[in-house]
């Protein structure tokens, strides 16, 4: 059954288009069609740098060969049909709907063969996010990557709970559709899924994690602020009264545009463009409220990069609940 319909990335019969979509959303892959079934590829996904969750099906028997992903763990939960997975640490596993899944590691080659009726909900966690969650649970720094076993048993109590939470999360994503409070409501579910995963799966930290006294366990959600984001915000704040493009910000910050967008979405629940706009709105409001002399609302808004007065007034009203002219009139007279 199709999931995340409100987050459609691509539907296609073209093998190259399907390969490119999975590469862009998850990781590079070499895609080979193995049967005569017509490819009916469908990918829906809510994308962010730290956590991406998506629904994927090919509706044809296919094989994917994938290089190490470098910065990400991939958790594939089979919701229909079955898949055969292999990793270059000589582990292999067959998944079936609601029964089992597999975990692909940042530093391992992997290969997965899909049955024609296979469907999966796939989570992509950044190393920083998932290893940070584990560090919170262990109450110490995590110095080595998490070496998950390939197989993920979804029939244990914790495994079944993980599977149920994952399905609930994709339902809630469709329901909320990035509306007000979207990030605040979704993040706790992400934290819960990561915690369930760390307890359900077998890995090199399992024994230590399960031996922890429950009184010493900290919440999974205690994340460190990404220093890249801090420096990007500092750059933007220092150049608010200048024209800025995403390409320019990405180049100065030495990150890709996709990473730039992911950092803002994951940490702040917004886009870089929206962040810039909101910071400029705050600057306009501060000047309208406190400047000794204000010629007009339009002169202030133009100075902070708003060239269309009507759109500026609408954005200002949406953000502050009043028109900029109201703010200006309310200002205390200068003595």
Protein backbone atom coordinates (compact mmCIF):
# COMPACT_ATOMS: atom_id res chain seq x y z
CA UNK A 1 0.00 0.00 0.00
CA UNK A 2 1.44 3.35 -1.05
CA UNK A 3 2.60 5.65 1.75
CA UNK A 4 3.64 9.31 1.97
CA UNK A 5 1.46 10.25 -1.00
CA UNK A 6 1.76 13.93 -0.09
CA UNK A 7 5.56 13.74 -0.45
CA UNK A 8 5.85 12.43 -4.00
CA UNK A 9 9.33 12.53 -5.53
CA UNK A 10 8.86 10.52 -8.73
CA UNK A 11 6.78 7.88 -10.50
CA UNK A 12 8.27 6.49 -13.70
CA UNK A 13 8.70 3.50 -16.02
CA UNK A 14 12.24 4.62 -16.90
CA UNK A 15 15.12 2.73 -15.30
CA UNK A 16 17.59 5.64 -15.47
CA UNK A 17 15.11 8.07 -13.92
CA UNK A 18 14.45 5.59 -11.09
CA UNK A 19 18.16 5.14 -10.43
CA UNK A 20 18.74 8.90 -10.37
CA UNK A 21 15.85 9.51 -7.96
CA UNK A 22 17.14 6.94 -5.44
CA UNK A 23 20.67 8.35 -5.80
CA UNK A 24 19.43 11.87 -5.07
CA UNK A 25 17.24 10.91 -2.11
CA UNK A 26 19.22 8.07 -0.52
CA UNK A 27 22.50 6.89 -2.06
CA UNK A 28 24.23 6.09 -5.33
CA UNK A 29 23.20 2.81 -6.90
CA UNK A 30 23.53 0.59 -9.94
CA UNK A 31 20.01 -0.53 -10.86
CA UNK A 32 19.34 -3.63 -12.97
CA UNK A 33 15.92 -4.93 -14.04
CA UNK A 34 15.69 -8.73 -13.68
CA UNK A 35 12.20 -9.61 -14.93
CA UNK A 36 9.75 -8.87 -17.74
CA UNK A 37 7.38 -7.05 -15.38
CA UNK A 38 6.96 -3.42 -16.47
CA UNK A 39 8.84 -1.11 -14.12
CA UNK A 40 6.39 1.02 -12.12
CA UNK A 41 8.77 2.87 -9.87
CA UNK A 42 7.38 5.07 -7.12
CA UNK A 43 9.34 7.10 -4.57
CA UNK A 44 7.74 9.36 -1.96
CA UNK A 45 9.93 10.92 0.72
CA UNK A 46 10.13 13.57 3.41
CA UNK A 47 13.73 14.72 3.00
CA UNK A 48 16.13 16.30 5.48
CA UNK A 49 19.86 16.01 6.08
CA UNK A 50 19.68 14.23 9.45
CA UNK A 51 16.57 12.07 8.88
CA UNK A 52 14.95 11.17 5.58
CA UNK A 53 11.99 8.78 5.52
CA UNK A 54 10.48 7.49 2.32
CA UNK A 55 8.33 4.87 0.61
CA UNK A 56 9.82 2.95 -2.32
CA UNK A 57 8.61 0.31 -4.77
CA UNK A 58 9.69 -0.83 -8.24
CA UNK A 59 6.77 -3.18 -9.06
CA UNK A 60 9.31 -5.33 -10.90
CA UNK A 61 12.11 -7.63 -9.85
CA UNK A 62 15.26 -5.50 -9.68
CA UNK A 63 18.74 -5.56 -8.22
CA UNK A 64 20.51 -2.60 -6.62
CA UNK A 65 24.24 -2.50 -5.99
CA UNK A 66 25.30 0.31 -3.67
CA UNK A 67 28.67 1.72 -2.58
CA UNK A 68 29.37 2.81 1.01
CA UNK A 69 27.14 5.78 1.89
CA UNK A 70 29.82 7.53 3.93
CA UNK A 71 27.78 9.71 6.27
CA UNK A 72 24.54 7.74 6.63
CA UNK A 73 22.91 4.62 8.02
CA UNK A 74 19.98 3.21 6.00
CA UNK A 75 17.22 1.19 7.67
CA UNK A 76 15.01 -0.67 5.19
CA UNK A 77 11.69 -1.93 6.58
CA UNK A 78 9.87 -4.23 4.17
CA UNK A 79 6.12 -3.56 4.11
CA UNK A 80 5.24 -5.73 1.09
CA UNK A 81 6.78 -8.64 -0.80
CA UNK A 82 10.36 -9.59 0.04
CA UNK A 83 13.97 -8.64 -0.62
CA UNK A 84 17.33 -10.45 -0.51
CA UNK A 85 20.13 -8.33 0.93
CA UNK A 86 23.89 -8.79 1.08
CA UNK A 87 26.72 -6.74 2.60
CA UNK A 88 30.45 -7.02 1.93
CA UNK A 89 31.09 -8.21 5.50
CA UNK A 90 29.63 -11.54 4.24
CA UNK A 91 26.25 -11.08 5.88
CA UNK A 92 23.07 -11.81 3.95
CA UNK A 93 19.41 -11.77 4.87
CA UNK A 94 15.97 -12.15 3.30
CA UNK A 95 13.29 -9.72 4.43
CA UNK A 96 9.53 -10.14 4.28
CA UNK A 97 6.61 -7.82 4.98
CA UNK A 98 6.30 -6.84 8.63
CA UNK A 99 8.74 -9.58 9.59
CA UNK A 100 12.23 -8.25 9.09
CA UNK A 101 14.34 -5.49 7.65
CA UNK A 102 17.98 -4.75 6.93
CA UNK A 103 20.49 -2.06 7.92
CA UNK A 104 23.04 -0.71 5.43
CA UNK A 105 26.22 0.76 6.90
CA UNK A 106 28.17 3.91 6.00
CA UNK A 107 31.39 1.98 5.28
CA UNK A 108 30.06 -1.17 3.56
CA UNK A 109 29.13 -2.14 0.02
CA UNK A 110 25.66 -3.65 -0.22
CA UNK A 111 23.37 -5.35 -2.70
CA UNK A 112 19.60 -5.81 -2.52
CA UNK A 113 17.32 -7.77 -4.85
CA UNK A 114 13.64 -6.81 -4.79
CA UNK A 115 10.71 -9.08 -5.62
CA UNK A 116 8.19 -7.62 -8.09
CA UNK A 117 5.74 -6.91 -5.23
CA UNK A 118 8.28 -5.59 -2.72
CA UNK A 119 7.61 -2.29 -0.94
CA UNK A 120 9.72 -0.62 1.73
CA UNK A 121 9.69 2.25 4.16
CA UNK A 122 13.31 3.41 4.29
CA UNK A 123 14.91 5.65 6.91
CA UNK A 124 18.21 7.41 6.29
CA UNK A 125 19.90 8.65 9.48
CA UNK A 126 23.01 10.81 9.44
CA UNK A 127 25.88 9.42 11.46
CA UNK A 128 25.90 12.54 13.59
CA UNK A 129 22.23 12.16 14.49
CA UNK A 130 22.13 8.42 15.18
CA UNK A 131 25.50 8.23 16.90
CA UNK A 132 24.53 11.31 18.91
CA UNK A 133 21.37 9.51 20.00
CA UNK A 134 23.44 6.51 21.10
CA UNK A 135 25.84 8.80 22.97
CA UNK A 136 22.89 10.24 24.86
CA UNK A 137 21.66 6.80 25.83
CA UNK A 138 25.14 5.66 26.92
CA UNK A 139 25.93 8.97 28.66
CA UNK A 140 29.32 9.11 26.94
CA UNK A 141 30.88 9.97 23.61
CA UNK A 142 30.66 7.39 20.82
CA UNK A 143 34.09 7.17 19.19
CA UNK A 144 33.51 4.35 16.68
CA UNK A 145 30.78 3.82 14.07
CA UNK A 146 27.81 1.63 15.02
CA UNK A 147 28.43 -1.78 13.44
CA UNK A 148 24.87 -3.01 13.02
CA UNK A 149 24.21 -6.57 11.94
CA UNK A 150 22.58 -6.64 8.52
CA UNK A 151 19.39 -8.32 9.71
CA UNK A 152 16.76 -6.50 11.73
CA UNK A 153 14.22 -8.77 13.40
CA UNK A 154 10.81 -7.08 13.56
CA UNK A 155 9.13 -9.98 15.41
CA UNK A 156 10.67 -9.26 18.81
CA UNK A 157 8.77 -6.96 21.18
CA UNK A 158 11.06 -4.00 20.50
CA UNK A 159 11.28 -4.82 16.79
CA UNK A 160 7.50 -4.95 16.45
CA UNK A 161 7.26 -1.66 18.33
CA UNK A 162 9.81 -0.08 15.96
CA UNK A 163 7.83 -1.25 12.93
CA UNK A 164 4.54 0.07 14.35
CA UNK A 165 6.09 3.44 15.20
CA UNK A 166 7.61 3.73 11.72
CA UNK A 167 4.22 3.13 10.07
CA UNK A 168 2.57 5.60 12.43
CA UNK A 169 5.20 8.20 11.61
CA UNK A 170 4.64 8.00 7.85
CA UNK A 171 0.89 8.30 8.45
CA UNK A 172 1.43 11.39 10.60
CA UNK A 173 3.78 12.93 8.05
CA UNK A 174 1.03 12.64 5.45
CA UNK A 175 -1.47 14.12 7.87
CA UNK A 176 0.66 17.10 8.95
CA UNK A 177 2.20 17.90 5.55
CA UNK A 178 4.74 20.43 6.85
CA UNK A 179 2.06 22.56 8.52
CA UNK A 180 2.52 24.72 11.63
CA UNK A 181 4.51 22.92 14.32
CA UNK A 182 5.51 20.17 11.86
CA UNK A 183 9.11 19.84 13.06
CA UNK A 184 8.19 20.02 16.75
CA UNK A 185 5.69 17.17 16.35
CA UNK A 186 7.83 14.95 14.11
CA UNK A 187 11.17 15.19 15.96
CA UNK A 188 9.99 13.24 19.04
CA UNK A 189 8.89 10.41 16.74
CA UNK A 190 12.30 10.42 15.07
CA UNK A 191 13.95 10.18 18.49
CA UNK A 192 11.67 7.30 19.47
CA UNK A 193 12.42 5.37 16.27
CA UNK A 194 16.18 5.82 16.73
CA UNK A 195 15.95 4.61 20.33
CA UNK A 196 13.85 1.58 19.31
CA UNK A 197 16.31 0.80 16.51
CA UNK A 198 19.30 0.89 18.86
CA UNK A 199 17.58 -1.56 21.22
CA UNK A 200 16.01 -3.79 18.55
CA UNK A 201 19.09 -4.29 16.36
CA UNK A 202 22.29 -6.15 17.21
CA UNK A 203 25.47 -4.06 17.11
CA UNK A 204 28.82 -3.48 18.79
CA UNK A 205 27.26 -1.33 21.53
CA UNK A 206 24.29 -3.64 22.29
CA UNK A 207 25.73 -5.28 25.40
CA UNK A 208 26.76 -1.97 26.96
CA UNK A 209 23.42 -0.36 26.11
CA UNK A 210 21.35 -3.15 27.62
CA UNK A 211 23.52 -3.22 30.75
CA UNK A 212 22.87 0.45 31.45
CA UNK A 213 21.12 1.33 34.69
CA UNK A 214 17.89 3.01 33.60
CA UNK A 215 18.51 5.83 36.09
CA UNK A 216 21.67 6.86 34.20
CA UNK A 217 20.17 6.95 30.71
CA UNK A 218 19.75 10.41 29.22
CA UNK A 219 17.20 11.31 26.55
CA UNK A 220 18.15 10.38 23.01
CA UNK A 221 17.27 13.87 21.78
CA UNK A 222 20.16 15.77 23.32
CA UNK A 223 21.86 16.85 20.07
CA UNK A 224 24.91 19.02 19.66
CA UNK A 225 24.63 22.18 17.60
CA UNK A 226 26.28 21.68 14.22
CA UNK A 227 29.21 24.13 14.00
CA UNK A 228 28.68 24.43 10.25
CA UNK A 229 25.20 25.80 10.84
CA UNK A 230 26.50 28.25 13.43
CA UNK A 231 29.06 29.67 11.00
CA UNK A 232 26.46 29.85 8.21
CA UNK A 233 24.07 31.77 10.47
CA UNK A 234 26.84 34.14 11.47
CA UNK A 235 27.65 34.80 7.81
CA UNK A 236 24.00 35.42 6.92
CA UNK A 237 23.43 37.70 9.90
CA UNK A 238 26.51 39.76 8.97
CA UNK A 239 25.29 40.25 5.39
CA UNK A 240 21.53 40.63 5.87
CA UNK A 241 21.46 44.00 4.09
CA UNK A 242 23.17 42.52 1.01
CA UNK A 243 21.91 40.32 -1.80
CA UNK A 244 22.65 36.65 -1.07
CA UNK A 245 22.09 33.54 -3.16
CA UNK A 246 22.08 29.96 -1.90
CA UNK A 247 24.99 29.25 -4.25
CA UNK A 248 27.01 32.05 -2.66
CA UNK A 249 26.23 30.92 0.91
CA UNK A 250 27.03 27.29 0.07
CA UNK A 251 30.33 28.27 -1.57
CA UNK A 252 31.42 30.44 1.36
CA UNK A 253 30.42 27.71 3.82
CA UNK A 254 32.05 24.92 1.75
CA UNK A 255 28.95 22.74 1.70
CA UNK A 256 26.61 21.66 -1.09
CA UNK A 257 23.28 23.39 -1.54
CA UNK A 258 21.52 20.18 -0.52
CA UNK A 259 23.55 19.96 2.69
CA UNK A 260 22.87 23.64 3.35
CA UNK A 261 19.13 23.07 3.03
CA UNK A 262 19.32 19.92 5.16
CA UNK A 263 21.14 21.68 7.99
CA UNK A 264 18.44 24.34 8.24
CA UNK A 265 15.58 21.85 7.94
CA UNK A 266 16.98 19.46 10.54
CA UNK A 267 18.03 22.01 13.16
CA UNK A 268 15.63 24.92 12.61
CA UNK A 269 12.68 23.41 10.75
CA UNK A 270 12.93 25.96 7.97
CA UNK A 271 14.75 26.66 4.70
CA UNK A 272 17.75 28.98 4.25
CA UNK A 273 15.63 31.40 2.20
CA UNK A 274 12.94 31.48 4.86
CA UNK A 275 15.55 32.00 7.57
CA UNK A 276 17.03 34.97 5.68
CA UNK A 277 13.57 36.45 5.13
CA UNK A 278 12.62 36.06 8.79
CA UNK A 279 15.88 37.62 10.00
CA UNK A 280 15.29 40.56 7.70
CA UNK A 281 11.75 40.95 8.99
CA UNK A 282 13.12 41.05 12.53
CA UNK A 283 15.65 43.70 11.48
CA UNK A 284 12.92 45.83 9.90
CA UNK A 285 10.77 45.57 13.02
CA UNK A 286 13.67 46.54 15.30
CA UNK A 287 14.33 49.62 13.19
CA UNK A 288 10.65 50.61 13.01
CA UNK A 289 10.38 50.32 16.79
CA UNK A 290 13.59 52.02 17.84
CA UNK A 291 15.21 54.15 15.14
CA UNK A 292 15.37 57.85 15.95
CA UNK A 293 14.14 58.80 12.50
CA UNK A 294 12.20 56.69 10.01
CA UNK A 295 11.38 58.21 6.65
CA UNK A 296 8.85 55.54 5.71
CA UNK A 297 8.13 51.84 5.97
CA UNK A 298 9.18 51.38 2.34
CA UNK A 299 12.59 52.99 2.88
CA UNK A 300 13.34 50.68 5.81
CA UNK A 301 12.07 47.54 4.07
CA UNK A 302 14.05 48.36 0.92
CA UNK A 303 17.22 48.84 2.94
CA UNK A 304 16.80 45.28 4.28
CA UNK A 305 16.28 43.71 0.87
CA UNK A 306 12.49 43.79 0.39
CA UNK A 307 11.85 45.23 -3.05
CA UNK A 308 8.11 44.51 -3.33
CA UNK A 309 6.20 46.49 -0.70
CA UNK A 310 2.97 44.48 -0.99
CA UNK A 311 4.62 41.11 -0.53
CA UNK A 312 6.74 42.52 2.30
CA UNK A 313 3.67 43.87 4.14
CA UNK A 314 1.91 40.50 3.76
CA UNK A 315 4.93 38.58 5.09
CA UNK A 316 5.36 41.04 7.97
CA UNK A 317 1.69 40.73 8.91
CA UNK A 318 1.88 36.93 8.80
CA UNK A 319 4.99 36.87 10.99
CA UNK A 320 4.11 39.52 13.59
CA UNK A 321 0.31 39.63 13.41
CA UNK A 322 0.21 43.32 12.44
CA UNK A 323 1.10 45.55 9.51
CA UNK A 324 4.45 47.40 9.55
CA UNK A 325 2.59 50.71 9.51
CA UNK A 326 0.92 49.70 12.79
CA UNK A 327 4.32 49.03 14.33
CA UNK A 328 5.55 52.42 13.19
CA UNK A 329 2.55 54.27 14.58
CA UNK A 330 2.88 52.56 17.94
CA UNK A 331 6.49 53.68 18.31
CA UNK A 332 7.08 56.03 21.22
CA UNK A 333 7.69 59.60 20.06
CA UNK A 334 11.26 60.79 20.21
CA UNK A 335 11.79 63.52 22.78
